[in-house]
Amino acid sequence: MELIHARLVRTTTCANGCKCDYTICGDKDPSSPPEVMGPVADAMTGTTVDFTVISDCGHFSAYEHPEAVAEALRQLVRRIQ
């Protein structure tokens, strides 16, 4: 894991050896908005990146919109299984 603009960017290695990265940010996040996090996701190489922007959300996406974050993570899990 590494912290980029105060947002967690996570790399997960699946049982089958694939590497999957994800980043989630809020569209109203003042410190790490989509305009910053999108290029971060685009710059990741050697992996498949899930980049999710949560609507009407600030910096604390898991607190502000837990269901939207949970759904993004469920989609990631479905993709890597």
C-alpha atoms as a PDB file:
ATOM      1  CA  MET A   1       0.000   0.000   0.000  1.00  0.00           C
ATOM      2  CA  GLU A   2       1.120   3.540  -0.555  1.00  0.00           C
ATOM      3  CA  LEU A   3      -0.404   6.848   0.376  1.00  0.00           C
ATOM      4  CA  ILE A   4      -0.885   9.240  -2.503  1.00  0.00           C
ATOM      5  CA  HIS A   5      -2.537  12.579  -1.823  1.00  0.00           C
ATOM      6  CA  ALA A   6      -3.848  11.169   1.465  1.00  0.00           C
ATOM      7  CA  ARG A   7      -5.818   8.455  -0.326  1.00  0.00           C
ATOM      8  CA  LEU A   8      -5.257   4.770  -0.046  1.00  0.00           C
ATOM      9  CA  VAL A   9      -4.172   3.142  -3.265  1.00  0.00           C
ATOM     10  CA  ARG A  10      -4.143  -0.584  -2.756  1.00  0.00           C
ATOM     11  CA  THR A  11      -2.468  -3.380  -4.683  1.00  0.00           C
ATOM     12  CA  THR A  12      -3.928  -6.840  -4.179  1.00  0.00           C
ATOM     13  CA  THR A  13      -2.294 -10.007  -5.443  1.00  0.00           C
ATOM     14  CA  CYS A  14      -4.949 -12.600  -6.226  1.00  0.00           C
ATOM     15  CA  ALA A  15      -4.654 -16.335  -5.643  1.00  0.00           C
ATOM     16  CA  ASN A  16      -4.045 -16.816  -9.363  1.00  0.00           C
ATOM     17  CA  GLY A  17      -1.165 -14.309  -9.267  1.00  0.00           C
ATOM     18  CA  CYS A  18      -2.855 -11.369 -10.991  1.00  0.00           C
ATOM     19  CA  LYS A  19      -2.256  -7.946  -9.531  1.00  0.00           C
ATOM     20  CA  CYS A  20      -5.250  -5.673  -9.139  1.00  0.00           C
ATOM     21  CA  ASP A  21      -5.106  -2.086  -8.004  1.00  0.00           C
ATOM     22  CA  TYR A  22      -7.937   0.122  -6.978  1.00  0.00           C
ATOM     23  CA  THR A  23      -8.456   3.682  -5.976  1.00  0.00           C
ATOM     24  CA  ILE A  24     -11.648   5.282  -4.766  1.00  0.00           C
ATOM     25  CA  CYS A  25     -12.216   8.991  -4.355  1.00  0.00           C
ATOM     26  CA  GLY A  26     -15.066  11.420  -3.897  1.00  0.00           C
ATOM     27  CA  ASP A  27     -15.999  13.877  -6.610  1.00  0.00           C
ATOM     28  CA  LYS A  28     -15.908  16.699  -4.046  1.00  0.00           C
ATOM     29  CA  ASP A  29     -12.691  15.625  -2.302  1.00  0.00           C
ATOM     30  CA  PRO A  30     -10.648  18.812  -1.790  1.00  0.00           C
ATOM     31  CA  SER A  31      -7.292  17.089  -1.245  1.00  0.00           C
ATOM     32  CA  SER A  32      -7.428  14.203  -3.729  1.00  0.00           C
ATOM     33  CA  PRO A  33     -10.110  14.887  -6.321  1.00  0.00           C
ATOM     34  CA  PRO A  34     -10.687  12.781  -9.437  1.00  0.00           C
ATOM     35  CA  GLU A  35      -8.525  15.220 -11.417  1.00  0.00           C
ATOM     36  CA  VAL A  36      -5.574  14.122  -9.259  1.00  0.00           C
ATOM     37  CA  MET A  37      -6.450  10.476  -8.671  1.00  0.00           C
ATOM     38  CA  GLY A  38      -7.348   9.687 -12.301  1.00  0.00           C
ATOM     39  CA  PRO A  39      -3.808  10.333 -13.546  1.00  0.00           C
ATOM     40  CA  VAL A  40      -2.450   8.334 -10.594  1.00  0.00           C
ATOM     41  CA  ALA A  41      -4.605   5.361 -11.643  1.00  0.00           C
ATOM     42  CA  ASP A  42      -3.605   5.843 -15.291  1.00  0.00           C
ATOM     43  CA  ALA A  43       0.088   5.821 -14.371  1.00  0.00           C
ATOM     44  CA  MET A  44      -0.052   2.399 -12.684  1.00  0.00           C
ATOM     45  CA  THR A  45       1.593  -0.174 -14.921  1.00  0.00           C
ATOM     46  CA  GLY A  46       1.690  -3.948 -14.923  1.00  0.00           C
ATOM     47  CA  THR A  47      -1.740  -4.181 -13.374  1.00  0.00           C
ATOM     48  CA  THR A  48      -5.424  -3.661 -13.955  1.00  0.00           C
ATOM     49  CA  VAL A  49      -6.769  -0.618 -12.121  1.00  0.00           C
ATOM     50  CA  ASP A  50     -10.297  -0.081 -10.838  1.00  0.00           C
ATOM     51  CA  PHE A  51     -10.859   3.667 -10.431  1.00  0.00           C
ATOM     52  CA  THR A  52     -14.128   4.647  -8.798  1.00  0.00           C
ATOM     53  CA  VAL A  53     -15.427   8.166  -8.226  1.00  0.00           C
ATOM     54  CA  ILE A  54     -18.170   8.415  -5.609  1.00  0.00           C
ATOM     55  CA  SER A  55     -20.740  11.125  -6.420  1.00  0.00           C
ATOM     56  CA  ASP A  56     -21.546  13.883  -3.931  1.00  0.00           C
ATOM     57  CA  CYS A  57     -18.700  12.763  -1.708  1.00  0.00           C
ATOM     58  CA  GLY A  58     -15.770  14.436  -0.003  1.00  0.00           C
ATOM     59  CA  HIS A  59     -12.568  12.954   1.412  1.00  0.00           C
ATOM     60  CA  PHE A  60     -14.079  10.341   3.741  1.00  0.00           C
ATOM     61  CA  SER A  61     -15.808   8.188   1.145  1.00  0.00           C
ATOM     62  CA  ALA A  62     -16.162   5.061   3.301  1.00  0.00           C
ATOM     63  CA  TYR A  63     -17.835   7.119   6.028  1.00  0.00           C
ATOM     64  CA  GLU A  64     -19.894   9.395   3.789  1.00  0.00           C
ATOM     65  CA  HIS A  65     -21.123   6.735   1.332  1.00  0.00           C
ATOM     66  CA  PRO A  66     -20.348   3.282   2.764  1.00  0.00           C
ATOM     67  CA  GLU A  67     -22.713   1.466   0.401  1.00  0.00           C
ATOM     68  CA  ALA A  68     -21.127   3.000  -2.699  1.00  0.00           C
ATOM     69  CA  VAL A  69     -17.656   2.072  -1.464  1.00  0.00           C
ATOM     70  CA  ALA A  70     -18.829  -1.444  -0.582  1.00  0.00           C
ATOM     71  CA  GLU A  71     -20.321  -1.856  -4.069  1.00  0.00           C
ATOM     72  CA  ALA A  72     -17.070  -0.724  -5.694  1.00  0.00           C
ATOM     73  CA  LEU A  73     -15.185  -3.299  -3.644  1.00  0.00           C
ATOM     74  CA  ARG A  74     -17.751  -6.010  -4.452  1.00  0.00           C
ATOM     75  CA  GLN A  75     -17.246  -5.290  -8.147  1.00  0.00           C
ATOM     76  CA  LEU A  76     -13.495  -5.599  -7.682  1.00  0.00           C
ATOM     77  CA  VAL A  77     -13.883  -8.940  -5.919  1.00  0.00           C
ATOM     78  CA  ARG A  78     -16.184 -10.250  -8.669  1.00  0.00           C
ATOM     79  CA  ARG A  79     -13.651  -9.220 -11.290  1.00  0.00           C
ATOM     80  CA  ILE A  80     -10.677 -10.937  -9.648  1.00  0.00           C
ATOM     81  CA  GLN A  81     -12.363 -14.198  -8.693  1.00  0.00           C
END
